N, C-alpha and C. Protein backbone atom coordinates (compact mmCIF):
# COMPACT_ATOMS: atom_id res chain seq x y z
N MET A 1 93.92 -1.06 87.93
CA MET A 1 94.53 -0.60 89.19
C MET A 1 94.26 0.88 89.37
N LYS A 2 93.77 1.23 90.50
CA LYS A 2 93.46 2.63 90.78
C LYS A 2 94.68 3.32 91.34
N VAL A 3 95.17 4.30 90.62
CA VAL A 3 96.35 5.05 91.06
C VAL A 3 96.07 6.52 90.90
N ASN A 4 96.21 7.30 91.98
CA ASN A 4 96.08 8.74 91.91
C ASN A 4 97.46 9.34 91.94
N LYS A 5 97.80 10.12 90.96
CA LYS A 5 99.14 10.67 90.87
C LYS A 5 99.28 11.91 91.75
N LEU A 6 100.51 12.34 91.93
CA LEU A 6 100.84 13.48 92.77
C LEU A 6 100.06 14.70 92.33
N GLU A 7 99.44 15.38 93.28
CA GLU A 7 98.57 16.50 92.99
C GLU A 7 99.24 17.81 93.37
N ALA A 8 98.52 18.91 93.10
CA ALA A 8 99.10 20.23 93.32
C ALA A 8 99.36 20.53 94.77
N SER A 9 98.77 19.77 95.70
CA SER A 9 98.99 20.03 97.12
C SER A 9 100.41 19.72 97.54
N GLN A 10 101.15 19.03 96.66
CA GLN A 10 102.51 18.64 97.00
C GLN A 10 103.50 19.51 96.24
N PRO A 11 104.60 19.92 96.85
CA PRO A 11 105.64 20.64 96.12
C PRO A 11 106.27 19.72 95.11
N PRO A 12 106.60 20.21 93.90
CA PRO A 12 107.20 19.33 92.89
C PRO A 12 108.54 18.80 93.37
N ALA A 13 108.72 17.51 93.19
CA ALA A 13 109.98 16.89 93.63
C ALA A 13 111.04 17.12 92.57
N SER A 14 112.26 17.43 93.01
CA SER A 14 113.36 17.59 92.08
C SER A 14 113.74 16.25 91.53
N PRO A 15 114.31 16.19 90.31
CA PRO A 15 114.69 14.89 89.71
C PRO A 15 115.64 14.15 90.63
N LYS A 16 115.39 12.84 90.75
CA LYS A 16 116.22 12.01 91.61
C LYS A 16 116.94 10.98 90.77
N PRO A 17 118.14 10.55 91.19
CA PRO A 17 118.84 9.50 90.47
C PRO A 17 118.08 8.19 90.57
N GLN A 18 118.33 7.28 89.63
CA GLN A 18 117.67 5.98 89.65
C GLN A 18 118.01 5.25 90.94
N ARG A 19 116.98 4.67 91.58
CA ARG A 19 117.19 3.99 92.86
C ARG A 19 117.20 2.49 92.64
N SER A 20 117.94 1.81 93.48
CA SER A 20 117.90 0.36 93.44
C SER A 20 116.72 -0.12 94.25
N SER A 21 116.43 -1.44 94.18
CA SER A 21 115.31 -1.98 94.94
C SER A 21 115.65 -2.17 96.40
N SER A 22 116.91 -2.03 96.77
CA SER A 22 117.32 -2.19 98.16
C SER A 22 116.98 -0.95 98.97
N TYR A 23 116.48 -1.19 100.17
CA TYR A 23 116.14 -0.06 101.04
C TYR A 23 117.38 0.52 101.70
N SER A 24 118.43 -0.29 101.85
CA SER A 24 119.57 0.12 102.67
C SER A 24 120.31 1.33 102.12
N ASP A 25 120.24 1.55 100.77
CA ASP A 25 121.00 2.65 100.21
C ASP A 25 120.30 3.99 100.35
N LYS A 26 119.10 4.00 100.93
CA LYS A 26 118.37 5.25 101.09
C LYS A 26 117.60 5.26 102.41
N SER A 27 118.21 4.72 103.43
CA SER A 27 117.54 4.63 104.72
C SER A 27 117.12 5.99 105.23
N PRO A 28 115.84 6.11 105.71
CA PRO A 28 115.37 7.40 106.18
C PRO A 28 116.07 7.87 107.43
N SER A 29 116.85 7.01 108.09
CA SER A 29 117.56 7.45 109.28
C SER A 29 118.58 8.53 108.95
N SER A 30 118.95 8.62 107.64
CA SER A 30 119.91 9.64 107.24
C SER A 30 119.25 11.00 107.06
N LYS A 31 117.92 11.07 107.13
CA LYS A 31 117.21 12.33 106.94
C LYS A 31 116.86 12.93 108.30
N MET A 32 117.12 14.21 108.45
CA MET A 32 116.95 14.87 109.73
C MET A 32 115.53 14.70 110.25
N ALA A 33 115.42 14.10 111.45
CA ALA A 33 114.14 13.92 112.14
C ALA A 33 113.10 13.22 111.27
N HIS A 34 113.58 12.38 110.32
CA HIS A 34 112.68 11.63 109.45
C HIS A 34 111.69 12.55 108.74
N ARG A 35 112.17 13.68 108.23
CA ARG A 35 111.32 14.59 107.48
C ARG A 35 111.62 14.46 105.99
N GLY A 36 110.65 14.87 105.18
CA GLY A 36 110.84 14.83 103.74
C GLY A 36 110.85 13.43 103.16
N LEU A 37 110.17 12.49 103.80
CA LEU A 37 110.15 11.12 103.29
C LEU A 37 109.14 10.99 102.15
N ARG A 38 109.44 10.05 101.25
CA ARG A 38 108.52 9.72 100.16
C ARG A 38 107.54 8.66 100.68
N VAL A 39 106.26 8.97 100.61
CA VAL A 39 105.25 8.14 101.26
C VAL A 39 104.28 7.57 100.24
N MET A 40 103.99 6.28 100.37
CA MET A 40 102.92 5.64 99.62
C MET A 40 101.73 5.47 100.55
N LEU A 41 100.55 5.97 100.14
CA LEU A 41 99.33 5.86 100.93
C LEU A 41 98.42 4.81 100.34
N VAL A 42 97.83 3.99 101.21
CA VAL A 42 96.88 2.97 100.77
C VAL A 42 95.63 3.07 101.64
N ASP A 43 94.47 3.30 100.99
CA ASP A 43 93.22 3.41 101.73
C ASP A 43 92.07 3.35 100.73
N ASP A 44 90.97 2.70 101.13
CA ASP A 44 89.78 2.65 100.28
C ASP A 44 88.82 3.80 100.58
N ASP A 45 89.03 4.50 101.68
CA ASP A 45 88.15 5.59 102.09
C ASP A 45 88.79 6.92 101.72
N ALA A 46 88.18 7.64 100.77
CA ALA A 46 88.78 8.87 100.25
C ALA A 46 88.94 9.94 101.33
N SER A 47 87.94 10.10 102.19
CA SER A 47 88.02 11.14 103.22
C SER A 47 89.07 10.80 104.26
N ARG A 48 89.19 9.54 104.60
CA ARG A 48 90.19 9.11 105.57
C ARG A 48 91.59 9.25 104.97
N LEU A 49 91.71 8.91 103.69
CA LEU A 49 93.00 9.05 103.02
C LEU A 49 93.43 10.52 103.00
N LEU A 50 92.47 11.42 102.72
CA LEU A 50 92.79 12.85 102.68
C LEU A 50 93.27 13.34 104.05
N MET A 51 92.64 12.86 105.13
CA MET A 51 93.06 13.27 106.46
C MET A 51 94.49 12.80 106.75
N LEU A 52 94.81 11.57 106.37
CA LEU A 52 96.15 11.05 106.57
C LEU A 52 97.16 11.82 105.72
N GLU A 53 96.77 12.10 104.49
CA GLU A 53 97.66 12.85 103.61
C GLU A 53 97.97 14.23 104.18
N GLN A 54 96.95 14.94 104.64
CA GLN A 54 97.16 16.28 105.19
C GLN A 54 98.07 16.24 106.41
N ALA A 55 97.89 15.23 107.25
CA ALA A 55 98.74 15.11 108.44
C ALA A 55 100.19 14.85 108.06
N LEU A 56 100.42 14.02 107.06
CA LEU A 56 101.78 13.72 106.63
C LEU A 56 102.43 14.91 105.95
N VAL A 57 101.67 15.61 105.11
CA VAL A 57 102.21 16.79 104.45
C VAL A 57 102.58 17.85 105.48
N ALA A 58 101.75 17.99 106.52
CA ALA A 58 102.05 18.96 107.57
C ALA A 58 103.35 18.63 108.29
N GLU A 59 103.73 17.34 108.28
CA GLU A 59 104.98 16.92 108.90
C GLU A 59 106.17 17.05 107.94
N GLY A 60 105.92 17.50 106.72
CA GLY A 60 106.99 17.73 105.77
C GLY A 60 107.27 16.60 104.81
N HIS A 61 106.37 15.62 104.73
CA HIS A 61 106.59 14.48 103.85
C HIS A 61 105.92 14.69 102.49
N VAL A 62 106.31 13.88 101.51
CA VAL A 62 105.80 13.98 100.15
C VAL A 62 105.04 12.71 99.79
N ILE A 63 103.82 12.87 99.33
CA ILE A 63 103.01 11.72 98.92
C ILE A 63 103.33 11.42 97.46
N VAL A 64 103.91 10.26 97.20
CA VAL A 64 104.32 9.93 95.84
C VAL A 64 103.26 9.13 95.09
N VAL A 65 102.37 8.45 95.81
CA VAL A 65 101.31 7.70 95.15
C VAL A 65 100.21 7.39 96.17
N ARG A 66 98.97 7.30 95.68
CA ARG A 66 97.82 6.93 96.49
C ARG A 66 97.15 5.74 95.83
N LEU A 67 96.94 4.67 96.58
CA LEU A 67 96.36 3.45 96.03
C LEU A 67 95.21 2.99 96.90
N ASP A 68 94.32 2.17 96.32
CA ASP A 68 93.35 1.47 97.15
C ASP A 68 93.88 0.06 97.42
N THR A 69 93.20 -0.67 98.29
CA THR A 69 93.70 -1.98 98.71
C THR A 69 93.59 -3.03 97.61
N GLN A 70 92.84 -2.73 96.54
CA GLN A 70 92.73 -3.68 95.43
C GLN A 70 93.87 -3.53 94.43
N ALA A 71 94.67 -2.48 94.58
CA ALA A 71 95.76 -2.24 93.65
C ALA A 71 96.91 -3.23 93.87
N ASP A 72 97.79 -3.30 92.91
CA ASP A 72 99.01 -4.12 93.04
C ASP A 72 100.01 -3.31 93.87
N LEU A 73 100.07 -3.60 95.16
CA LEU A 73 100.90 -2.80 96.06
C LEU A 73 102.39 -2.98 95.77
N LEU A 74 102.79 -4.19 95.43
CA LEU A 74 104.21 -4.42 95.11
C LEU A 74 104.62 -3.60 93.89
N ALA A 75 103.75 -3.55 92.88
CA ALA A 75 104.05 -2.75 91.69
C ALA A 75 104.15 -1.28 92.06
N GLY A 76 103.29 -0.83 92.98
CA GLY A 76 103.34 0.56 93.42
C GLY A 76 104.67 0.90 94.07
N VAL A 77 105.18 -0.01 94.88
CA VAL A 77 106.48 0.20 95.52
C VAL A 77 107.60 0.19 94.48
N THR A 78 107.52 -0.76 93.56
CA THR A 78 108.55 -0.88 92.53
C THR A 78 108.64 0.37 91.67
N VAL A 79 107.49 0.91 91.27
CA VAL A 79 107.46 2.05 90.36
C VAL A 79 107.78 3.36 91.08
N HIS A 80 107.21 3.57 92.28
CA HIS A 80 107.29 4.88 92.93
C HIS A 80 108.37 4.98 94.00
N GLN A 81 108.95 3.84 94.41
CA GLN A 81 110.08 3.83 95.35
C GLN A 81 109.83 4.68 96.59
N PRO A 82 108.78 4.41 97.34
CA PRO A 82 108.55 5.18 98.56
C PRO A 82 109.56 4.80 99.64
N ASP A 83 109.78 5.71 100.58
CA ASP A 83 110.60 5.41 101.75
C ASP A 83 109.81 4.66 102.81
N VAL A 84 108.51 4.91 102.86
CA VAL A 84 107.66 4.31 103.88
C VAL A 84 106.25 4.15 103.32
N ILE A 85 105.51 3.17 103.84
CA ILE A 85 104.16 2.88 103.39
C ILE A 85 103.19 3.07 104.55
N PHE A 86 102.13 3.83 104.32
CA PHE A 86 101.06 4.00 105.30
C PHE A 86 99.79 3.36 104.74
N ILE A 87 99.18 2.49 105.53
CA ILE A 87 97.93 1.85 105.13
C ILE A 87 96.89 2.09 106.23
N ASP A 88 95.70 2.54 105.82
CA ASP A 88 94.61 2.79 106.76
C ASP A 88 93.39 2.02 106.29
N VAL A 89 92.94 1.04 107.07
CA VAL A 89 91.83 0.19 106.68
C VAL A 89 90.91 -0.04 107.87
N ASP A 90 89.69 -0.49 107.58
CA ASP A 90 88.79 -0.87 108.68
C ASP A 90 89.32 -2.11 109.38
N ALA A 91 89.65 -3.11 108.57
CA ALA A 91 90.26 -4.35 109.08
C ALA A 91 91.11 -4.93 107.96
N PRO A 92 92.37 -5.23 108.21
CA PRO A 92 93.24 -5.74 107.14
C PRO A 92 92.76 -7.10 106.63
N SER A 93 92.56 -7.20 105.33
CA SER A 93 92.11 -8.46 104.73
C SER A 93 93.29 -9.39 104.53
N ARG A 94 92.97 -10.64 104.26
CA ARG A 94 94.02 -11.63 103.98
C ARG A 94 94.82 -11.22 102.75
N ASP A 95 94.13 -10.75 101.71
CA ASP A 95 94.82 -10.35 100.48
C ASP A 95 95.79 -9.18 100.74
N THR A 96 95.33 -8.21 101.53
CA THR A 96 96.19 -7.06 101.84
C THR A 96 97.43 -7.50 102.59
N LEU A 97 97.26 -8.37 103.58
CA LEU A 97 98.40 -8.84 104.35
C LEU A 97 99.34 -9.68 103.50
N GLU A 98 98.80 -10.45 102.56
CA GLU A 98 99.66 -11.21 101.66
C GLU A 98 100.47 -10.28 100.77
N SER A 99 99.84 -9.18 100.32
CA SER A 99 100.56 -8.19 99.51
C SER A 99 101.68 -7.55 100.31
N LEU A 100 101.41 -7.24 101.58
CA LEU A 100 102.45 -6.65 102.43
C LEU A 100 103.59 -7.64 102.66
N GLY A 101 103.25 -8.90 102.82
CA GLY A 101 104.29 -9.91 102.98
C GLY A 101 105.17 -10.01 101.75
N GLN A 102 104.57 -9.87 100.57
CA GLN A 102 105.35 -9.89 99.33
C GLN A 102 106.28 -8.69 99.26
N ILE A 103 105.79 -7.52 99.65
CA ILE A 103 106.64 -6.33 99.70
C ILE A 103 107.79 -6.55 100.68
N HIS A 104 107.48 -7.11 101.84
CA HIS A 104 108.50 -7.34 102.87
C HIS A 104 109.62 -8.24 102.35
N ARG A 105 109.26 -9.22 101.53
CA ARG A 105 110.27 -10.14 101.00
C ARG A 105 111.04 -9.55 99.83
N GLU A 106 110.37 -8.80 98.96
CA GLU A 106 110.98 -8.38 97.71
C GLU A 106 111.40 -6.92 97.66
N ARG A 107 110.68 -6.03 98.34
CA ARG A 107 110.98 -4.60 98.33
C ARG A 107 110.78 -4.05 99.74
N PRO A 108 111.57 -4.50 100.71
CA PRO A 108 111.29 -4.15 102.12
C PRO A 108 111.30 -2.66 102.39
N ARG A 109 110.28 -2.20 103.08
CA ARG A 109 110.11 -0.81 103.50
C ARG A 109 109.45 -0.80 104.87
N PRO A 110 109.64 0.27 105.67
CA PRO A 110 108.82 0.40 106.88
C PRO A 110 107.35 0.53 106.49
N ILE A 111 106.50 -0.20 107.19
CA ILE A 111 105.07 -0.19 106.90
C ILE A 111 104.32 0.18 108.18
N VAL A 112 103.49 1.22 108.11
CA VAL A 112 102.63 1.61 109.22
C VAL A 112 101.21 1.26 108.84
N LEU A 113 100.57 0.39 109.62
CA LEU A 113 99.21 -0.07 109.32
C LEU A 113 98.25 0.39 110.40
N PHE A 114 97.24 1.15 109.99
CA PHE A 114 96.16 1.57 110.89
C PHE A 114 94.95 0.69 110.62
N ALA A 115 94.30 0.22 111.69
CA ALA A 115 93.09 -0.58 111.54
C ALA A 115 92.05 -0.12 112.55
N ALA A 116 90.80 -0.04 112.11
CA ALA A 116 89.73 0.35 113.02
C ALA A 116 89.41 -0.78 113.99
N ARG A 117 89.61 -2.02 113.53
CA ARG A 117 89.37 -3.18 114.39
C ARG A 117 90.32 -4.31 114.00
N SER A 118 90.55 -5.21 114.94
CA SER A 118 91.48 -6.30 114.69
C SER A 118 91.23 -7.41 115.69
N ASP A 119 92.01 -8.48 115.57
CA ASP A 119 91.98 -9.58 116.53
C ASP A 119 93.39 -10.14 116.64
N ALA A 120 93.58 -11.07 117.56
CA ALA A 120 94.92 -11.58 117.82
C ALA A 120 95.53 -12.26 116.60
N GLU A 121 94.72 -13.03 115.86
CA GLU A 121 95.25 -13.73 114.69
C GLU A 121 95.67 -12.75 113.61
N THR A 122 94.85 -11.72 113.38
CA THR A 122 95.19 -10.73 112.36
C THR A 122 96.45 -9.96 112.75
N ALA A 123 96.56 -9.61 114.02
CA ALA A 123 97.75 -8.90 114.49
C ALA A 123 99.00 -9.76 114.27
N HIS A 124 98.89 -11.05 114.57
CA HIS A 124 100.03 -11.95 114.37
C HIS A 124 100.41 -12.02 112.90
N ARG A 125 99.42 -12.12 112.03
CA ARG A 125 99.69 -12.19 110.60
C ARG A 125 100.27 -10.88 110.08
N ALA A 126 99.84 -9.75 110.64
CA ALA A 126 100.38 -8.46 110.22
C ALA A 126 101.86 -8.35 110.56
N VAL A 127 102.24 -8.76 111.76
CA VAL A 127 103.65 -8.73 112.15
C VAL A 127 104.46 -9.67 111.27
N HIS A 128 103.91 -10.86 111.01
CA HIS A 128 104.60 -11.83 110.15
C HIS A 128 104.76 -11.29 108.73
N ALA A 129 103.83 -10.43 108.30
CA ALA A 129 103.89 -9.85 106.95
C ALA A 129 104.88 -8.70 106.86
N GLY A 130 105.50 -8.34 107.98
CA GLY A 130 106.52 -7.29 107.95
C GLY A 130 106.04 -5.91 108.32
N VAL A 131 104.83 -5.81 108.91
CA VAL A 131 104.34 -4.51 109.35
C VAL A 131 105.20 -4.01 110.51
N SER A 132 105.71 -2.80 110.39
CA SER A 132 106.62 -2.25 111.40
C SER A 132 105.88 -1.63 112.57
N ALA A 133 104.71 -1.04 112.31
CA ALA A 133 103.89 -0.45 113.37
C ALA A 133 102.44 -0.76 113.04
N TYR A 134 101.75 -1.43 113.98
CA TYR A 134 100.36 -1.86 113.77
C TYR A 134 99.50 -1.16 114.82
N VAL A 135 98.64 -0.27 114.36
CA VAL A 135 97.87 0.58 115.27
C VAL A 135 96.39 0.29 115.11
N VAL A 136 95.77 -0.19 116.17
CA VAL A 136 94.33 -0.47 116.18
C VAL A 136 93.60 0.71 116.82
N ASP A 137 92.39 0.98 116.37
CA ASP A 137 91.57 2.09 116.86
C ASP A 137 91.77 3.33 115.99
N GLY A 138 92.21 3.09 114.75
CA GLY A 138 92.20 4.17 113.78
C GLY A 138 93.36 5.14 113.87
N LEU A 139 93.24 6.17 113.04
CA LEU A 139 94.30 7.15 112.85
C LEU A 139 94.17 8.31 113.82
N HIS A 140 95.29 8.66 114.46
CA HIS A 140 95.36 9.85 115.30
C HIS A 140 96.51 10.71 114.76
N PRO A 141 96.20 11.76 114.00
CA PRO A 141 97.25 12.54 113.32
C PRO A 141 98.35 13.05 114.24
N THR A 142 98.03 13.35 115.50
CA THR A 142 99.05 13.88 116.40
C THR A 142 100.11 12.85 116.75
N ARG A 143 99.82 11.58 116.50
CA ARG A 143 100.77 10.51 116.83
C ARG A 143 101.62 10.08 115.64
N LEU A 144 101.43 10.71 114.49
CA LEU A 144 102.10 10.25 113.29
C LEU A 144 103.62 10.28 113.41
N SER A 145 104.17 11.37 113.90
CA SER A 145 105.62 11.51 113.97
C SER A 145 106.24 10.43 114.84
N ALA A 146 105.65 10.19 116.02
CA ALA A 146 106.18 9.16 116.92
C ALA A 146 106.04 7.78 116.30
N LEU A 147 104.91 7.52 115.65
CA LEU A 147 104.70 6.22 115.01
C LEU A 147 105.71 5.98 113.90
N LEU A 148 105.99 7.02 113.15
CA LEU A 148 106.96 6.91 112.07
C LEU A 148 108.34 6.59 112.61
N ASP A 149 108.73 7.25 113.69
CA ASP A 149 110.02 6.98 114.32
C ASP A 149 110.11 5.53 114.76
N VAL A 150 109.04 5.04 115.40
CA VAL A 150 109.03 3.66 115.88
C VAL A 150 109.09 2.68 114.71
N ALA A 151 108.30 2.95 113.67
CA ALA A 151 108.27 2.05 112.52
C ALA A 151 109.64 1.94 111.86
N ILE A 152 110.30 3.07 111.67
CA ILE A 152 111.62 3.06 111.03
C ILE A 152 112.64 2.36 111.91
N ALA A 153 112.60 2.63 113.21
CA ALA A 153 113.54 1.99 114.13
C ALA A 153 113.36 0.47 114.12
N ARG A 154 112.11 0.01 114.19
CA ARG A 154 111.86 -1.43 114.18
C ARG A 154 112.28 -2.05 112.86
N PHE A 155 112.01 -1.36 111.77
CA PHE A 155 112.39 -1.87 110.46
C PHE A 155 113.90 -2.02 110.36
N GLU A 156 114.63 -1.01 110.80
CA GLU A 156 116.09 -1.05 110.69
C GLU A 156 116.68 -2.15 111.57
N VAL A 157 116.12 -2.35 112.75
CA VAL A 157 116.59 -3.44 113.61
C VAL A 157 116.34 -4.79 112.93
N HIS A 158 115.15 -4.95 112.36
CA HIS A 158 114.81 -6.21 111.70
C HIS A 158 115.72 -6.45 110.51
N GLN A 159 116.00 -5.40 109.72
CA GLN A 159 116.88 -5.56 108.57
C GLN A 159 118.29 -5.94 108.99
N ALA A 160 118.78 -5.31 110.07
CA ALA A 160 120.13 -5.63 110.55
C ALA A 160 120.21 -7.08 111.02
N LEU A 161 119.19 -7.54 111.75
CA LEU A 161 119.17 -8.93 112.21
C LEU A 161 119.08 -9.89 111.04
N SER A 162 118.28 -9.53 110.04
CA SER A 162 118.14 -10.37 108.86
C SER A 162 119.46 -10.49 108.11
N GLN A 163 120.19 -9.37 107.98
CA GLN A 163 121.48 -9.40 107.30
C GLN A 163 122.49 -10.22 108.09
N GLU A 164 122.48 -10.09 109.42
CA GLU A 164 123.39 -10.89 110.25
C GLU A 164 123.10 -12.38 110.08
N LEU A 165 121.82 -12.73 110.02
CA LEU A 165 121.44 -14.13 109.85
C LEU A 165 121.89 -14.65 108.48
N THR A 166 121.72 -13.82 107.46
CA THR A 166 122.15 -14.21 106.11
C THR A 166 123.66 -14.46 106.07
N VAL A 167 124.44 -13.57 106.69
CA VAL A 167 125.89 -13.73 106.73
C VAL A 167 126.28 -14.99 107.49
N ALA A 168 125.62 -15.21 108.63
CA ALA A 168 125.93 -16.39 109.44
C ALA A 168 125.62 -17.68 108.68
N ASN A 169 124.48 -17.70 107.99
CA ASN A 169 124.12 -18.89 107.21
C ASN A 169 125.10 -19.12 106.07
N ALA A 170 125.56 -18.03 105.44
CA ALA A 170 126.53 -18.17 104.35
C ALA A 170 127.84 -18.73 104.87
N ARG A 171 128.26 -18.29 106.06
CA ARG A 171 129.50 -18.81 106.63
C ARG A 171 129.39 -20.29 106.96
N LEU A 172 128.24 -20.68 107.51
CA LEU A 172 128.02 -22.10 107.82
C LEU A 172 128.03 -22.94 106.55
N ALA A 173 127.41 -22.41 105.49
CA ALA A 173 127.40 -23.14 104.22
C ALA A 173 128.81 -23.27 103.67
N ASP A 174 129.62 -22.19 103.78
CA ASP A 174 131.00 -22.25 103.32
C ASP A 174 131.79 -23.31 104.09
N GLN A 175 131.65 -23.30 105.40
CA GLN A 175 132.38 -24.26 106.23
C GLN A 175 132.00 -25.70 105.88
N ARG A 176 130.70 -25.93 105.69
CA ARG A 176 130.23 -27.27 105.35
C ARG A 176 130.81 -27.73 104.02
N ASP A 177 130.76 -26.86 103.00
CA ASP A 177 131.20 -27.26 101.67
C ASP A 177 132.73 -27.33 101.58
N ILE A 178 133.42 -26.49 102.34
CA ILE A 178 134.88 -26.59 102.38
C ILE A 178 135.31 -27.92 102.99
N GLU A 179 134.65 -28.33 104.06
CA GLU A 179 134.97 -29.62 104.68
C GLU A 179 134.72 -30.76 103.72
N ARG A 180 133.61 -30.69 102.98
CA ARG A 180 133.30 -31.76 102.02
C ARG A 180 134.33 -31.77 100.88
N ALA A 181 134.71 -30.58 100.42
CA ALA A 181 135.69 -30.51 99.33
C ALA A 181 137.06 -31.01 99.80
N LYS A 182 137.43 -30.65 101.02
CA LYS A 182 138.70 -31.17 101.57
C LYS A 182 138.67 -32.70 101.62
N GLY A 183 137.57 -33.24 102.08
CA GLY A 183 137.45 -34.70 102.15
C GLY A 183 137.57 -35.35 100.78
N LEU A 184 137.01 -34.70 99.76
CA LEU A 184 137.11 -35.21 98.41
C LEU A 184 138.56 -35.23 97.93
N LEU A 185 139.29 -34.12 98.18
CA LEU A 185 140.69 -34.05 97.77
C LEU A 185 141.55 -35.03 98.56
N MET A 186 141.27 -35.18 99.84
CA MET A 186 142.04 -36.13 100.65
C MET A 186 141.88 -37.54 100.12
N LYS A 187 140.67 -37.87 99.69
CA LYS A 187 140.41 -39.22 99.21
C LYS A 187 141.02 -39.46 97.83
N ARG A 188 140.85 -38.49 96.93
CA ARG A 188 141.27 -38.70 95.55
C ARG A 188 142.76 -38.40 95.33
N ARG A 189 143.32 -37.49 96.10
CA ARG A 189 144.73 -37.13 95.92
C ARG A 189 145.63 -37.72 97.01
N LYS A 190 145.03 -38.44 97.92
CA LYS A 190 145.79 -39.07 99.01
C LYS A 190 146.54 -38.02 99.83
N LEU A 191 145.85 -36.96 100.24
CA LEU A 191 146.43 -35.87 100.99
C LEU A 191 145.97 -35.91 102.43
N ASP A 192 146.77 -35.27 103.32
CA ASP A 192 146.24 -35.09 104.67
C ASP A 192 145.38 -33.82 104.67
N GLU A 193 144.78 -33.51 105.82
CA GLU A 193 143.81 -32.41 105.87
C GLU A 193 144.45 -31.06 105.54
N GLY A 194 145.65 -30.80 106.09
CA GLY A 194 146.32 -29.53 105.84
C GLY A 194 146.67 -29.37 104.37
N GLU A 195 147.15 -30.44 103.75
CA GLU A 195 147.52 -30.38 102.33
C GLU A 195 146.28 -30.17 101.46
N ALA A 196 145.19 -30.83 101.83
CA ALA A 196 143.95 -30.69 101.05
C ALA A 196 143.42 -29.25 101.12
N TYR A 197 143.50 -28.67 102.31
CA TYR A 197 143.01 -27.30 102.45
C TYR A 197 143.90 -26.33 101.66
N ALA A 198 145.22 -26.54 101.73
CA ALA A 198 146.14 -25.67 101.00
C ALA A 198 145.90 -25.75 99.50
N MET A 199 145.65 -26.96 99.00
CA MET A 199 145.38 -27.13 97.57
C MET A 199 144.06 -26.46 97.19
N LEU A 200 143.06 -26.64 98.02
CA LEU A 200 141.75 -26.04 97.75
C LEU A 200 141.86 -24.52 97.72
N ARG A 201 142.58 -23.96 98.69
CA ARG A 201 142.73 -22.51 98.74
C ARG A 201 143.50 -21.99 97.54
N LYS A 202 144.56 -22.69 97.13
CA LYS A 202 145.35 -22.26 95.98
C LYS A 202 144.52 -22.30 94.70
N MET A 203 143.74 -23.35 94.52
CA MET A 203 142.91 -23.46 93.32
C MET A 203 141.88 -22.34 93.28
N ALA A 204 141.32 -22.00 94.43
CA ALA A 204 140.35 -20.90 94.49
C ALA A 204 141.02 -19.57 94.17
N MET A 205 142.22 -19.34 94.73
CA MET A 205 142.94 -18.09 94.48
C MET A 205 143.35 -17.97 93.02
N ASP A 206 143.79 -19.08 92.42
CA ASP A 206 144.19 -19.06 91.01
C ASP A 206 143.03 -18.66 90.11
N ARG A 207 141.83 -18.99 90.53
CA ARG A 207 140.64 -18.69 89.73
C ARG A 207 139.91 -17.44 90.23
N LYS A 208 140.56 -16.75 91.20
CA LYS A 208 140.00 -15.51 91.77
C LYS A 208 138.57 -15.72 92.28
N GLN A 209 138.38 -16.80 93.02
CA GLN A 209 137.09 -17.11 93.60
C GLN A 209 137.21 -17.26 95.10
N ARG A 210 136.10 -17.03 95.81
CA ARG A 210 136.06 -17.33 97.23
C ARG A 210 136.21 -18.84 97.41
N ILE A 211 136.88 -19.22 98.51
CA ILE A 211 137.14 -20.64 98.70
C ILE A 211 135.84 -21.43 98.86
N GLY A 212 134.84 -20.82 99.50
CA GLY A 212 133.56 -21.51 99.64
C GLY A 212 132.89 -21.73 98.30
N ASP A 213 132.94 -20.71 97.43
CA ASP A 213 132.33 -20.84 96.11
C ASP A 213 133.05 -21.89 95.27
N TYR A 214 134.39 -21.88 95.36
CA TYR A 214 135.13 -22.87 94.58
C TYR A 214 134.89 -24.28 95.11
N ALA A 215 134.78 -24.40 96.42
CA ALA A 215 134.49 -25.71 97.00
C ALA A 215 133.18 -26.26 96.44
N ARG A 216 132.17 -25.41 96.28
CA ARG A 216 130.89 -25.88 95.72
C ARG A 216 131.02 -26.28 94.26
N LEU A 217 131.84 -25.52 93.51
CA LEU A 217 132.07 -25.90 92.11
C LEU A 217 132.78 -27.24 92.01
N LEU A 218 133.75 -27.45 92.88
CA LEU A 218 134.50 -28.71 92.89
C LEU A 218 133.58 -29.87 93.22
N LEU A 219 132.72 -29.68 94.19
CA LEU A 219 131.77 -30.74 94.57
C LEU A 219 130.79 -31.03 93.46
N ALA A 220 130.30 -29.96 92.80
CA ALA A 220 129.35 -30.15 91.70
C ALA A 220 130.02 -30.91 90.55
N ALA A 221 131.29 -30.56 90.26
CA ALA A 221 132.01 -31.24 89.18
C ALA A 221 132.23 -32.71 89.52
N SER A 222 132.50 -33.00 90.78
CA SER A 222 132.75 -34.39 91.18
C SER A 222 131.51 -35.25 91.03
N ASP A 223 130.32 -34.62 91.11
CA ASP A 223 129.07 -35.39 91.02
C ASP A 223 128.81 -35.90 89.61
N VAL A 224 129.42 -35.24 88.61
CA VAL A 224 129.16 -35.65 87.22
C VAL A 224 130.31 -36.49 86.65
N LEU A 225 131.35 -36.68 87.44
CA LEU A 225 132.48 -37.48 86.96
C LEU A 225 132.25 -38.97 87.24
C-alpha cells in the first residue's frame, strides 16, 4: 500500500485524544467556517495531488495522509481518522467506488470526488457509494471551499435521515415483538391484553431491560421450550 506521510509543508498537529469510529462526535460543522479539517487525499497523479493539496492547505486544512487508488482506503480512514476525503481521478473505477461504499457503511465521512470524465451509470454508482459531492470536469481550486460546504451539509443531512430511519425501524421491531410476547403470555397465562402487557413490563423492569429487548428474550426462550 502506498502511503505518503505528513510532510514539512504542514504545521505539526498537536496530540489529539483517541477518536471513535463514529463521525458524529467530531462533526466538522462545529469548526468555524469548516477550517482546520483533517483531510485524506486520494490520487494516482502526483502533480494533480500536489495542486489539490496546496489548495486545501491554503484554505487552512491539514493533510493527514496521501494515498493512491490502489491503497486500502478503509484502512486509511481507520488509521488516520480524517474529517473529510478528497479523491481526484480521471474516471472512478468500480474498485474505487466499492471502496468508497465500504467507507460509507463502516466509517462514514464526507467524500468529495473529482473526475475528469464520467457517465450516468458511474454518477449513479458514486452517489450510491456515499459520495457527498461529485464533480465532473476536474479540479477547480477556487471552488474548493464551496464544494466542501456542500459536501458536509449533504453528508450531515444523510446521516440525520439514516439515524431517524434506524430509530423508526427499531421502534417498529419493538412494537412487533411486544405484541408477539403479549400474545404468548395471554395464551400461556390465560391473561387479557392489559394484564399481559403489565406482566411483560414488570418482568423487563425487574431485569433492568428495555421492554422490547425483554420481549425478544422471552420469545427466544419460548422457541426452545
